[in-house]
Amino acid sequence: MERDRADESREHAPLRQAEDAIVIDSTALDIEAVLGIMLQQVCQIQQQMG
């Protein structure tokens, strides 16, 4: 979190979240849970696109 704040506030090329970003709070999740959420999101977007 501290590194993110530093990256967001730097003068040159500050870190910015994309408008269409999907945010996954992985603080309390293991890698398998994060991957599962990512796969769900990808499948949902693919269905929306037809």
PDB file of N, CA and C in Angstrom:
ATOM      1  N   MET A   1       0.825  -1.184   0.000  1.00  0.00           N
ATOM      2  CA  MET A   1       0.000   0.000   0.000  1.00  0.00           C
ATOM      3  C   MET A   1       0.882   1.265   0.000  1.00  0.00           C
ATOM      4  N   GLU A   2       1.942   1.260   0.773  1.00  0.00           N
ATOM      5  CA  GLU A   2       2.827   2.423   0.827  1.00  0.00           C
ATOM      6  C   GLU A   2       3.467   2.676  -0.537  1.00  0.00           C
ATOM      7  N   ARG A   3       3.879   1.592  -1.189  1.00  0.00           N
ATOM      8  CA  ARG A   3       4.491   1.738  -2.509  1.00  0.00           C
ATOM      9  C   ARG A   3       3.475   2.278  -3.519  1.00  0.00           C
ATOM     10  N   ASP A   4       2.222   1.809  -3.437  1.00  0.00           N
ATOM     11  CA  ASP A   4       1.180   2.320  -4.332  1.00  0.00           C
ATOM     12  C   ASP A   4       0.983   3.819  -4.137  1.00  0.00           C
ATOM     13  N   ARG A   5       0.945   4.262  -2.886  1.00  0.00           N
ATOM     14  CA  ARG A   5       0.778   5.696  -2.606  1.00  0.00           C
ATOM     15  C   ARG A   5       1.944   6.495  -3.182  1.00  0.00           C
ATOM     16  N   ALA A   6       3.135   5.974  -3.050  1.00  0.00           N
ATOM     17  CA  ALA A   6       4.304   6.659  -3.598  1.00  0.00           C
ATOM     18  C   ALA A   6       4.211   6.719  -5.119  1.00  0.00           C
ATOM     19  N   ASP A   7       3.790   5.619  -5.736  1.00  0.00           N
ATOM     20  CA  ASP A   7       3.667   5.579  -7.196  1.00  0.00           C
ATOM     21  C   ASP A   7       2.568   6.522  -7.688  1.00  0.00           C
ATOM     22  N   GLU A   8       1.490   6.649  -6.923  1.00  0.00           N
ATOM     23  CA  GLU A   8       0.381   7.518  -7.315  1.00  0.00           C
ATOM     24  C   GLU A   8       0.731   8.992  -7.192  1.00  0.00           C
ATOM     25  N   SER A   9       1.644   9.334  -6.317  1.00  0.00           N
ATOM     26  CA  SER A   9       1.940  10.740  -6.057  1.00  0.00           C
ATOM     27  C   SER A   9       3.244  11.222  -6.686  1.00  0.00           C
ATOM     28  N   ARG A  10       3.940  10.357  -7.427  1.00  0.00           N
ATOM     29  CA  ARG A  10       5.193  10.801  -8.047  1.00  0.00           C
ATOM     30  C   ARG A  10       4.904  11.824  -9.153  1.00  0.00           C
ATOM     31  N   GLU A  11       5.869  12.672  -9.397  1.00  0.00           N
ATOM     32  CA  GLU A  11       5.700  13.761 -10.356  1.00  0.00           C
ATOM     33  C   GLU A  11       5.593  13.268 -11.793  1.00  0.00           C
ATOM     34  N   HIS A  12       6.454  12.345 -12.174  1.00  0.00           N
ATOM     35  CA  HIS A  12       6.488  11.868 -13.557  1.00  0.00           C
ATOM     36  C   HIS A  12       5.778  10.523 -13.677  1.00  0.00           C
ATOM     37  N   ALA A  13       4.841  10.453 -14.600  1.00  0.00           N
ATOM     38  CA  ALA A  13       4.103   9.221 -14.899  1.00  0.00           C
ATOM     39  C   ALA A  13       3.507   8.575 -13.645  1.00  0.00           C
ATOM     40  N   PRO A  14       2.655   9.309 -12.920  1.00  0.00           N
ATOM     41  CA  PRO A  14       2.065   8.723 -11.716  1.00  0.00           C
ATOM     42  C   PRO A  14       1.151   7.540 -12.060  1.00  0.00           C
ATOM     43  N   LEU A  15       1.082   6.603 -11.134  1.00  0.00           N
ATOM     44  CA  LEU A  15       0.248   5.421 -11.288  1.00  0.00           C
ATOM     45  C   LEU A  15      -1.215   5.832 -11.267  1.00  0.00           C
ATOM     46  N   ARG A  16      -1.980   5.408 -12.276  1.00  0.00           N
ATOM     47  CA  ARG A  16      -3.413   5.702 -12.355  1.00  0.00           C
ATOM     48  C   ARG A  16      -4.162   4.420 -12.690  1.00  0.00           C
ATOM     49  N   GLN A  17      -5.305   4.239 -12.036  1.00  0.00           N
ATOM     50  CA  GLN A  17      -6.151   3.081 -12.313  1.00  0.00           C
ATOM     51  C   GLN A  17      -6.958   3.352 -13.583  1.00  0.00           C
ATOM     52  N   ALA A  18      -7.032   2.389 -14.463  1.00  0.00           N
ATOM     53  CA  ALA A  18      -7.819   2.533 -15.687  1.00  0.00           C
ATOM     54  C   ALA A  18      -9.302   2.664 -15.338  1.00  0.00           C
ATOM     55  N   GLU A  19     -10.027   3.414 -16.153  1.00  0.00           N
ATOM     56  CA  GLU A  19     -11.454   3.627 -15.897  1.00  0.00           C
ATOM     57  C   GLU A  19     -12.232   2.320 -15.860  1.00  0.00           C
ATOM     58  N   ASP A  20     -11.836   1.357 -16.684  1.00  0.00           N
ATOM     59  CA  ASP A  20     -12.560   0.092 -16.761  1.00  0.00           C
ATOM     60  C   ASP A  20     -11.884  -1.031 -15.973  1.00  0.00           C
ATOM     61  N   ALA A  21     -11.019  -0.665 -15.051  1.00  0.00           N
ATOM     62  CA  ALA A  21     -10.302  -1.669 -14.259  1.00  0.00           C
ATOM     63  C   ALA A  21     -11.254  -2.451 -13.363  1.00  0.00           C
ATOM     64  N   ILE A  22     -10.943  -3.710 -13.188  1.00  0.00           N
ATOM     65  CA  ILE A  22     -11.659  -4.554 -12.237  1.00  0.00           C
ATOM     66  C   ILE A  22     -10.736  -4.717 -11.036  1.00  0.00           C
ATOM     67  N   VAL A  23     -11.171  -4.223  -9.890  1.00  0.00           N
ATOM     68  CA  VAL A  23     -10.341  -4.235  -8.690  1.00  0.00           C
ATOM     69  C   VAL A  23     -10.661  -5.486  -7.871  1.00  0.00           C
ATOM     70  N   ILE A  24      -9.629  -6.234  -7.552  1.00  0.00           N
ATOM     71  CA  ILE A  24      -9.773  -7.421  -6.712  1.00  0.00           C
ATOM     72  C   ILE A  24      -8.937  -7.198  -5.464  1.00  0.00           C
ATOM     73  N   ASP A  25      -9.607  -7.113  -4.315  1.00  0.00           N
ATOM     74  CA  ASP A  25      -8.888  -6.962  -3.050  1.00  0.00           C
ATOM     75  C   ASP A  25      -8.429  -8.352  -2.618  1.00  0.00           C
ATOM     76  N   SER A  26      -7.161  -8.616  -2.801  1.00  0.00           N
ATOM     77  CA  SER A  26      -6.626  -9.940  -2.519  1.00  0.00           C
ATOM     78  C   SER A  26      -6.007 -10.056  -1.126  1.00  0.00           C
ATOM     79  N   THR A  27      -6.264  -9.077  -0.288  1.00  0.00           N
ATOM     80  CA  THR A  27      -5.653  -9.033   1.039  1.00  0.00           C
ATOM     81  C   THR A  27      -5.848 -10.331   1.813  1.00  0.00           C
ATOM     82  N   ALA A  28      -7.070 -10.846   1.819  1.00  0.00           N
ATOM     83  CA  ALA A  28      -7.369 -12.035   2.624  1.00  0.00           C
ATOM     84  C   ALA A  28      -7.563 -13.280   1.762  1.00  0.00           C
ATOM     85  N   LEU A  29      -7.104 -13.238   0.506  1.00  0.00           N
ATOM     86  CA  LEU A  29      -7.324 -14.350  -0.407  1.00  0.00           C
ATOM     87  C   LEU A  29      -6.016 -15.038  -0.765  1.00  0.00           C
ATOM     88  N   ASP A  30      -6.093 -16.344  -0.995  1.00  0.00           N
ATOM     89  CA  ASP A  30      -4.909 -17.039  -1.502  1.00  0.00           C
ATOM     90  C   ASP A  30      -4.919 -16.953  -3.028  1.00  0.00           C
ATOM     91  N   ILE A  31      -3.868 -17.418  -3.647  1.00  0.00           N
ATOM     92  CA  ILE A  31      -3.714 -17.282  -5.098  1.00  0.00           C
ATOM     93  C   ILE A  31      -4.828 -18.004  -5.855  1.00  0.00           C
ATOM     94  N   GLU A  32      -5.276 -19.144  -5.345  1.00  0.00           N
ATOM     95  CA  GLU A  32      -6.337 -19.887  -6.022  1.00  0.00           C
ATOM     96  C   GLU A  32      -7.643 -19.101  -6.027  1.00  0.00           C
ATOM     97  N   ALA A  33      -7.947 -18.419  -4.922  1.00  0.00           N
ATOM     98  CA  ALA A  33      -9.169 -17.613  -4.845  1.00  0.00           C
ATOM     99  C   ALA A  33      -9.090 -16.421  -5.796  1.00  0.00           C
ATOM    100  N   VAL A  34      -7.943 -15.786  -5.858  1.00  0.00           N
ATOM    101  CA  VAL A  34      -7.764 -14.645  -6.774  1.00  0.00           C
ATOM    102  C   VAL A  34      -7.921 -15.112  -8.215  1.00  0.00           C
ATOM    103  N   LEU A  35      -7.291 -16.218  -8.553  1.00  0.00           N
ATOM    104  CA  LEU A  35      -7.401 -16.755  -9.907  1.00  0.00           C
ATOM    105  C   LEU A  35      -8.853 -17.094 -10.234  1.00  0.00           C
ATOM    106  N   GLY A  36      -9.574 -17.656  -9.281  1.00  0.00           N
ATOM    107  CA  GLY A  36     -10.987 -17.980  -9.495  1.00  0.00           C
ATOM    108  C   GLY A  36     -11.810 -16.739  -9.805  1.00  0.00           C
ATOM    109  N   ILE A  37     -11.577 -15.672  -9.066  1.00  0.00           N
ATOM    110  CA  ILE A  37     -12.285 -14.418  -9.309  1.00  0.00           C
ATOM    111  C   ILE A  37     -11.934 -13.867 -10.684  1.00  0.00           C
ATOM    112  N   MET A  38     -10.670 -13.931 -11.040  1.00  0.00           N
ATOM    113  CA  MET A  38     -10.236 -13.443 -12.350  1.00  0.00           C
ATOM    114  C   MET A  38     -10.909 -14.230 -13.471  1.00  0.00           C
ATOM    115  N   LEU A  39     -10.941 -15.540 -13.341  1.00  0.00           N
ATOM    116  CA  LEU A  39     -11.569 -16.369 -14.367  1.00  0.00           C
ATOM    117  C   LEU A  39     -13.064 -16.082 -14.479  1.00  0.00           C
ATOM    118  N   GLN A  40     -13.736 -15.863 -13.351  1.00  0.00           N
ATOM    119  CA  GLN A  40     -15.152 -15.500 -13.369  1.00  0.00           C
ATOM    120  C   GLN A  40     -15.364 -14.202 -14.126  1.00  0.00           C
ATOM    121  N   GLN A  41     -14.515 -13.235 -13.877  1.00  0.00           N
ATOM    122  CA  GLN A  41     -14.634 -11.940 -14.544  1.00  0.00           C
ATOM    123  C   GLN A  41     -14.418 -12.078 -16.050  1.00  0.00           C
ATOM    124  N   VAL A  42     -13.420 -12.853 -16.443  1.00  0.00           N
ATOM    125  CA  VAL A  42     -13.140 -13.057 -17.869  1.00  0.00           C
ATOM    126  C   VAL A  42     -14.333 -13.727 -18.542  1.00  0.00           C
ATOM    127  N   CYS A  43     -14.875 -14.764 -17.939  1.00  0.00           N
ATOM    128  CA  CYS A  43     -16.033 -15.465 -18.511  1.00  0.00           C
ATOM    129  C   CYS A  43     -17.230 -14.536 -18.626  1.00  0.00           C
ATOM    130  N   GLN A  44     -17.453 -13.717 -17.612  1.00  0.00           N
ATOM    131  CA  GLN A  44     -18.578 -12.785 -17.631  1.00  0.00           C
ATOM    132  C   GLN A  44     -18.410 -11.767 -18.776  1.00  0.00           C
ATOM    133  N   ILE A  45     -17.233 -11.257 -18.954  1.00  0.00           N
ATOM    134  CA  ILE A  45     -16.989 -10.292 -20.016  1.00  0.00           C
ATOM    135  C   ILE A  45     -17.139 -10.953 -21.383  1.00  0.00           C
ATOM    136  N   GLN A  46     -16.651 -12.175 -21.519  1.00  0.00           N
ATOM    137  CA  GLN A  46     -16.791 -12.895 -22.790  1.00  0.00           C
ATOM    138  C   GLN A  46     -18.257 -13.110 -23.130  1.00  0.00           C
ATOM    139  N   GLN A  47     -19.090 -13.439 -22.140  1.00  0.00           N
ATOM    140  CA  GLN A  47     -20.517 -13.635 -22.372  1.00  0.00           C
ATOM    141  C   GLN A  47     -21.176 -12.332 -22.798  1.00  0.00           C
ATOM    142  N   GLN A  48     -20.774 -11.229 -22.190  1.00  0.00           N
ATOM    143  CA  GLN A  48     -21.350  -9.924 -22.531  1.00  0.00           C
ATOM    144  C   GLN A  48     -20.997  -9.525 -23.961  1.00  0.00           C
ATOM    145  N   MET A  49     -19.830  -9.942 -24.405  1.00  0.00           N
ATOM    146  CA  MET A  49     -19.363  -9.575 -25.744  1.00  0.00           C
ATOM    147  C   MET A  49     -19.987 -10.457 -26.828  1.00  0.00           C
ATOM    148  N   GLY A  50     -20.555 -11.559 -26.388  1.00  0.00           N
ATOM    149  CA  GLY A  50     -21.219 -12.442 -27.339  1.00  0.00           C
ATOM    150  C   GLY A  50     -20.336 -13.413 -27.888  1.00  0.00           C
TER     151      GLY A  50
END
